[in-house]
Amino acid sequence: ATAYYLAKEHGITNIAVIEKGYLGGGNTARNTTIVRSNYLWDEASHLYEHSLKLWEGLAQELNYNLMFSQRGVLNLGHTLQDMRDIERRVNANRLNGIDGEVLTTAQVQEMVPILDCSTNARFPVMGASWQARAGTARHDAVAWGFARAADALGVDLLQQTEVTGIRRKDGAVEGVETNRGFISA
């Protein structure tokens, strides 16, 4: 994504994305894939709301199916303190113009009938927060969508290439040593 935006927004294309394994592997393949903006703090909520708006048009921008599905995100409250925190977060979101709703136990049960909302449940559901615009995206599709778009802008993508050292001269970086040879900066 960084390489894509450097090329797209700033015209910088002398970029090499060096991946020890395969693009989309590593940490990219281990994320939760949840895309949401219902964070508590103003600074974070503004950043994530901007991000969510980018997600809403990203598949078209990259011309790649990212499998982004806005099915919403439900955060369950199991204790009175959870519910206080949920109400606080939803109210903060609303003040920042971000969609959010506090749901009762009955509303959660109606939304997710398979969920055990009885008072006998190991973790009784007292309510939840709901952000309808939130969703999920496929991590591998996102990685390949950005890679394909970056490649189209002239970015070099090097897979199965391990950085083995950084070459410096007079305090400046000259480039990187890899298992496939030297790449100059």
C-alpha atoms as a PDB file:
ATOM      1  CA  ALA A   1       0.000   0.000   0.000  1.00  0.00           C
ATOM      2  CA  THR A   2       2.819   2.415   0.842  1.00  0.00           C
ATOM      3  CA  ALA A   3       4.538   1.751  -2.484  1.00  0.00           C
ATOM      4  CA  TYR A   4       1.255   2.208  -4.359  1.00  0.00           C
ATOM      5  CA  TYR A   5       0.472   5.540  -2.705  1.00  0.00           C
ATOM      6  CA  LEU A   6       4.040   6.846  -3.153  1.00  0.00           C
ATOM      7  CA  ALA A   7       3.764   6.071  -6.860  1.00  0.00           C
ATOM      8  CA  LYS A   8       0.191   7.305  -7.264  1.00  0.00           C
ATOM      9  CA  GLU A   9       0.232  10.430  -5.115  1.00  0.00           C
ATOM     10  CA  HIS A  10       3.855  11.549  -5.499  1.00  0.00           C
ATOM     11  CA  GLY A  11       5.059  10.003  -8.764  1.00  0.00           C
ATOM     12  CA  ILE A  12       7.842   8.124  -6.974  1.00  0.00           C
ATOM     13  CA  THR A  13       8.340   4.888  -8.879  1.00  0.00           C
ATOM     14  CA  ASN A  14      11.957   3.917  -8.189  1.00  0.00           C
ATOM     15  CA  ILE A  15      10.640   1.660  -5.441  1.00  0.00           C
ATOM     16  CA  ALA A  16      11.359  -1.992  -4.761  1.00  0.00           C
ATOM     17  CA  VAL A  17       9.029  -3.939  -2.484  1.00  0.00           C
ATOM     18  CA  ILE A  18      11.287  -6.686  -1.162  1.00  0.00           C
ATOM     19  CA  GLU A  19       9.464  -9.701   0.264  1.00  0.00           C
ATOM     20  CA  LYS A  20      11.319 -12.572   1.914  1.00  0.00           C
ATOM     21  CA  GLY A  21       8.412 -14.895   1.123  1.00  0.00           C
ATOM     22  CA  TYR A  22       5.358 -14.293  -1.011  1.00  0.00           C
ATOM     23  CA  LEU A  23       3.337 -11.094  -1.291  1.00  0.00           C
ATOM     24  CA  GLY A  24       0.374 -11.412   1.042  1.00  0.00           C
ATOM     25  CA  GLY A  25       2.164 -13.880   3.308  1.00  0.00           C
ATOM     26  CA  GLY A  26       3.678 -13.102   6.683  1.00  0.00           C
ATOM     27  CA  ASN A  27       1.768 -10.681   8.898  1.00  0.00           C
ATOM     28  CA  THR A  28      -0.595  -9.710   6.081  1.00  0.00           C
ATOM     29  CA  ALA A  29      -2.062 -13.208   6.258  1.00  0.00           C
ATOM     30  CA  ARG A  30      -2.453 -13.023  10.032  1.00  0.00           C
ATOM     31  CA  ASN A  31      -4.631  -9.970  10.529  1.00  0.00           C
ATOM     32  CA  THR A  32      -8.252  -9.932  11.648  1.00  0.00           C
ATOM     33  CA  THR A  33      -9.511  -8.429   8.358  1.00  0.00           C
ATOM     34  CA  ILE A  34     -12.033  -6.291  10.264  1.00  0.00           C
ATOM     35  CA  VAL A  35     -12.478  -2.806   8.813  1.00  0.00           C
ATOM     36  CA  ARG A  36     -14.228  -0.398  11.186  1.00  0.00           C
ATOM     37  CA  SER A  37     -14.092   3.158  12.487  1.00  0.00           C
ATOM     38  CA  ASN A  38     -15.865   2.880  15.839  1.00  0.00           C
ATOM     39  CA  TYR A  39     -12.882   3.738  18.028  1.00  0.00           C
ATOM     40  CA  LEU A  40     -13.179   5.785  21.207  1.00  0.00           C
ATOM     41  CA  TRP A  41     -10.561   8.523  20.945  1.00  0.00           C
ATOM     42  CA  ASP A  42     -11.211  11.457  18.601  1.00  0.00           C
ATOM     43  CA  GLU A  43      -7.832  11.191  16.860  1.00  0.00           C
ATOM     44  CA  ALA A  44      -8.192   7.474  16.212  1.00  0.00           C
ATOM     45  CA  SER A  45     -11.811   7.682  15.151  1.00  0.00           C
ATOM     46  CA  HIS A  46     -11.052  10.407  12.577  1.00  0.00           C
ATOM     47  CA  LEU A  47      -8.163   8.374  11.154  1.00  0.00           C
ATOM     48  CA  TYR A  48     -10.184   5.157  10.961  1.00  0.00           C
ATOM     49  CA  GLU A  49     -13.236   6.936   9.553  1.00  0.00           C
ATOM     50  CA  HIS A  50     -11.045   8.334   6.765  1.00  0.00           C
ATOM     51  CA  SER A  51      -9.686   4.824   6.248  1.00  0.00           C
ATOM     52  CA  LEU A  52     -13.186   3.318   6.102  1.00  0.00           C
ATOM     53  CA  LYS A  53     -14.187   5.880   3.467  1.00  0.00           C
ATOM     54  CA  LEU A  54     -11.111   4.880   1.428  1.00  0.00           C
ATOM     55  CA  TRP A  55     -12.106   1.212   1.749  1.00  0.00           C
ATOM     56  CA  GLU A  56     -15.550   1.993   0.369  1.00  0.00           C
ATOM     57  CA  GLY A  57     -14.014   2.939  -2.999  1.00  0.00           C
ATOM     58  CA  LEU A  58     -10.752   1.000  -2.939  1.00  0.00           C
ATOM     59  CA  ALA A  59     -11.824  -1.945  -5.111  1.00  0.00           C
ATOM     60  CA  GLN A  60     -12.765   0.454  -7.912  1.00  0.00           C
ATOM     61  CA  GLU A  61      -9.578   2.478  -7.463  1.00  0.00           C
ATOM     62  CA  LEU A  62      -7.360  -0.609  -7.649  1.00  0.00           C
ATOM     63  CA  ASN A  63      -9.594  -2.320 -10.225  1.00  0.00           C
ATOM     64  CA  TYR A  64      -9.404  -5.471  -8.120  1.00  0.00           C
ATOM     65  CA  ASN A  65     -12.009  -7.377  -6.113  1.00  0.00           C
ATOM     66  CA  LEU A  66     -10.855  -6.985  -2.509  1.00  0.00           C
ATOM     67  CA  MET A  67     -13.841  -8.956  -1.250  1.00  0.00           C
ATOM     68  CA  PHE A  68     -14.689  -6.032   1.021  1.00  0.00           C
ATOM     69  CA  SER A  69     -18.058  -6.786   2.554  1.00  0.00           C
ATOM     70  CA  GLN A  70     -19.781  -4.200   4.725  1.00  0.00           C
ATOM     71  CA  ARG A  71     -21.815  -6.557   6.901  1.00  0.00           C
ATOM     72  CA  GLY A  72     -21.314  -4.543  10.064  1.00  0.00           C
ATOM     73  CA  VAL A  73     -19.489  -5.285  13.280  1.00  0.00           C
ATOM     74  CA  LEU A  74     -21.128  -6.224  16.560  1.00  0.00           C
ATOM     75  CA  ASN A  75     -19.218  -5.793  19.835  1.00  0.00           C
ATOM     76  CA  LEU A  76     -20.919  -7.678  22.656  1.00  0.00           C
ATOM     77  CA  GLY A  77     -21.207  -6.395  26.209  1.00  0.00           C
ATOM     78  CA  HIS A  78     -21.164  -9.042  28.938  1.00  0.00           C
ATOM     79  CA  THR A  79     -20.960  -6.880  32.053  1.00  0.00           C
ATOM     80  CA  LEU A  80     -22.360  -3.597  33.272  1.00  0.00           C
ATOM     81  CA  GLN A  81     -18.912  -2.048  32.743  1.00  0.00           C
ATOM     82  CA  ASP A  82     -18.823  -3.390  29.163  1.00  0.00           C
ATOM     83  CA  MET A  83     -22.150  -1.684  28.511  1.00  0.00           C
ATOM     84  CA  ARG A  84     -20.922   1.587  30.010  1.00  0.00           C
ATOM     85  CA  ASP A  85     -17.866   1.410  27.753  1.00  0.00           C
ATOM     86  CA  ILE A  86     -20.041   0.610  24.733  1.00  0.00           C
ATOM     87  CA  GLU A  87     -22.337   3.567  25.427  1.00  0.00           C
ATOM     88  CA  ARG A  88     -19.333   5.832  25.900  1.00  0.00           C
ATOM     89  CA  ARG A  89     -17.754   4.716  22.609  1.00  0.00           C
ATOM     90  CA  VAL A  90     -20.995   4.965  20.604  1.00  0.00           C
ATOM     91  CA  ASN A  91     -21.696   8.442  22.012  1.00  0.00           C
ATOM     92  CA  ALA A  92     -18.135   9.559  21.202  1.00  0.00           C
ATOM     93  CA  ASN A  93     -18.539   8.174  17.669  1.00  0.00           C
ATOM     94  CA  ARG A  94     -21.797  10.019  17.152  1.00  0.00           C
ATOM     95  CA  LEU A  95     -20.174  13.284  18.290  1.00  0.00           C
ATOM     96  CA  ASN A  96     -17.557  12.667  15.581  1.00  0.00           C
ATOM     97  CA  GLY A  97     -20.202  11.959  12.933  1.00  0.00           C
ATOM     98  CA  ILE A  98     -19.514   8.221  12.871  1.00  0.00           C
ATOM     99  CA  ASP A  99     -22.360   5.726  12.657  1.00  0.00           C
ATOM    100  CA  GLY A 100     -22.973   3.600  15.705  1.00  0.00           C
ATOM    101  CA  GLU A 101     -25.798   2.180  17.717  1.00  0.00           C
ATOM    102  CA  VAL A 102     -26.265   0.635  21.163  1.00  0.00           C
ATOM    103  CA  LEU A 103     -28.336  -2.552  20.975  1.00  0.00           C
ATOM    104  CA  THR A 104     -30.333  -4.227  23.722  1.00  0.00           C
ATOM    105  CA  THR A 105     -30.105  -7.952  24.411  1.00  0.00           C
ATOM    106  CA  ALA A 106     -33.379  -8.451  22.512  1.00  0.00           C
ATOM    107  CA  GLN A 107     -32.015  -6.600  19.472  1.00  0.00           C
ATOM    108  CA  VAL A 108     -28.833  -8.707  19.551  1.00  0.00           C
ATOM    109  CA  GLN A 109     -30.930 -11.888  19.766  1.00  0.00           C
ATOM    110  CA  GLU A 110     -33.025 -10.774  16.798  1.00  0.00           C
ATOM    111  CA  MET A 111     -29.906  -9.963  14.778  1.00  0.00           C
ATOM    112  CA  VAL A 112     -28.049 -13.191  15.684  1.00  0.00           C
ATOM    113  CA  PRO A 113     -30.650 -15.851  16.583  1.00  0.00           C
ATOM    114  CA  ILE A 114     -28.014 -18.573  17.063  1.00  0.00           C
ATOM    115  CA  LEU A 115     -26.312 -16.603  19.855  1.00  0.00           C
ATOM    116  CA  ASP A 116     -27.181 -17.757  23.377  1.00  0.00           C
ATOM    117  CA  CYS A 117     -28.455 -14.555  24.998  1.00  0.00           C
ATOM    118  CA  SER A 118     -30.011 -16.302  27.990  1.00  0.00           C
ATOM    119  CA  THR A 119     -29.082 -15.218  31.505  1.00  0.00           C
ATOM    120  CA  ASN A 120     -27.742 -18.765  32.026  1.00  0.00           C
ATOM    121  CA  ALA A 121     -25.093 -18.377  29.306  1.00  0.00           C
ATOM    122  CA  ARG A 122     -21.469 -18.589  30.395  1.00  0.00           C
ATOM    123  CA  PHE A 123     -21.025 -15.008  29.193  1.00  0.00           C
ATOM    124  CA  PRO A 124     -24.490 -13.417  29.303  1.00  0.00           C
ATOM    125  CA  VAL A 125     -25.106 -10.816  26.605  1.00  0.00           C
ATOM    126  CA  MET A 126     -26.267  -7.535  28.125  1.00  0.00           C
ATOM    127  CA  GLY A 127     -26.241  -5.641  24.830  1.00  0.00           C
ATOM    128  CA  ALA A 128     -23.844  -4.591  22.104  1.00  0.00           C
ATOM    129  CA  SER A 129     -22.535  -1.842  19.901  1.00  0.00           C
ATOM    130  CA  TRP A 130     -23.289  -2.024  16.186  1.00  0.00           C
ATOM    131  CA  GLN A 131     -21.556  -0.265  13.315  1.00  0.00           C
ATOM    132  CA  ALA A 132     -23.399  -1.082  10.102  1.00  0.00           C
ATOM    133  CA  ARG A 133     -20.750   0.326   7.721  1.00  0.00           C
ATOM    134  CA  ALA A 134     -17.973  -1.837   9.158  1.00  0.00           C
ATOM    135  CA  GLY A 135     -17.025  -5.063   7.481  1.00  0.00           C
ATOM    136  CA  THR A 136     -14.313  -7.446   6.439  1.00  0.00           C
ATOM    137  CA  ALA A 137     -11.882  -7.727   3.550  1.00  0.00           C
ATOM    138  CA  ARG A 138      -9.786 -10.631   2.282  1.00  0.00           C
ATOM    139  CA  HIS A 139      -6.175  -9.971   3.291  1.00  0.00           C
ATOM    140  CA  ASP A 140      -4.698 -11.771   0.293  1.00  0.00           C
ATOM    141  CA  ALA A 141      -6.962  -9.962  -2.169  1.00  0.00           C
ATOM    142  CA  VAL A 142      -5.997  -6.617  -0.629  1.00  0.00           C
ATOM    143  CA  ALA A 143      -2.274  -7.419  -0.834  1.00  0.00           C
ATOM    144  CA  TRP A 144      -2.543  -8.546  -4.450  1.00  0.00           C
ATOM    145  CA  GLY A 145      -4.762  -5.616  -5.404  1.00  0.00           C
ATOM    146  CA  PHE A 146      -2.223  -3.128  -4.087  1.00  0.00           C
ATOM    147  CA  ALA A 147       0.664  -5.106  -5.608  1.00  0.00           C
ATOM    148  CA  ARG A 148      -0.962  -5.213  -9.031  1.00  0.00           C
ATOM    149  CA  ALA A 149      -1.776  -1.493  -8.957  1.00  0.00           C
ATOM    150  CA  ALA A 150       1.727  -0.586  -7.724  1.00  0.00           C
ATOM    151  CA  ASP A 151       3.279  -2.749 -10.437  1.00  0.00           C
ATOM    152  CA  ALA A 152       1.176  -0.978 -13.070  1.00  0.00           C
ATOM    153  CA  LEU A 153       2.642   2.331 -11.830  1.00  0.00           C
ATOM    154  CA  GLY A 154       6.222   1.059 -12.191  1.00  0.00           C
ATOM    155  CA  VAL A 155       6.998  -0.286  -8.717  1.00  0.00           C
ATOM    156  CA  ASP A 156       9.254  -3.385  -8.632  1.00  0.00           C
ATOM    157  CA  LEU A 157       7.929  -6.334  -6.618  1.00  0.00           C
ATOM    158  CA  LEU A 158      10.572  -8.841  -5.556  1.00  0.00           C
ATOM    159  CA  GLN A 159       9.317 -12.045  -3.959  1.00  0.00           C
ATOM    160  CA  GLN A 160      11.483 -14.755  -2.432  1.00  0.00           C
ATOM    161  CA  THR A 161      14.117 -12.080  -1.835  1.00  0.00           C
ATOM    162  CA  GLU A 162      15.692 -11.794   1.591  1.00  0.00           C
ATOM    163  CA  VAL A 163      17.489  -8.641   2.689  1.00  0.00           C
ATOM    164  CA  THR A 164      20.797  -9.790   4.171  1.00  0.00           C
ATOM    165  CA  GLY A 165      22.411  -6.423   4.842  1.00  0.00           C
ATOM    166  CA  ILE A 166      22.382  -2.687   4.357  1.00  0.00           C
ATOM    167  CA  ARG A 167      25.321  -1.114   2.539  1.00  0.00           C
ATOM    168  CA  ARG A 168      26.406   2.271   3.915  1.00  0.00           C
ATOM    169  CA  LYS A 169      29.035   4.756   2.841  1.00  0.00           C
ATOM    170  CA  ASP A 170      29.892   7.972   4.704  1.00  0.00           C
ATOM    171  CA  GLY A 171      26.780   7.624   6.870  1.00  0.00           C
ATOM    172  CA  ALA A 172      24.407   7.308   3.909  1.00  0.00           C
ATOM    173  CA  VAL A 173      22.631   4.170   2.724  1.00  0.00           C
ATOM    174  CA  GLU A 174      23.846   3.020  -0.699  1.00  0.00           C
ATOM    175  CA  GLY A 175      21.443   0.113  -0.969  1.00  0.00           C
ATOM    176  CA  VAL A 176      20.598  -3.331   0.342  1.00  0.00           C
ATOM    177  CA  GLU A 177      22.264  -6.687  -0.014  1.00  0.00           C
ATOM    178  CA  THR A 178      19.871  -9.536  -0.792  1.00  0.00           C
ATOM    179  CA  ASN A 179      20.154 -13.242  -1.416  1.00  0.00           C
ATOM    180  CA  ARG A 180      19.648 -12.360  -5.100  1.00  0.00           C
ATOM    181  CA  GLY A 181      22.220  -9.572  -5.298  1.00  0.00           C
ATOM    182  CA  PHE A 182      22.685  -5.898  -4.499  1.00  0.00           C
ATOM    183  CA  ILE A 183      19.931  -3.304  -4.963  1.00  0.00           C
ATOM    184  CA  SER A 184      21.179   0.282  -5.005  1.00  0.00           C
ATOM    185  CA  ALA A 185      19.271   3.068  -3.306  1.00  0.00           C
END
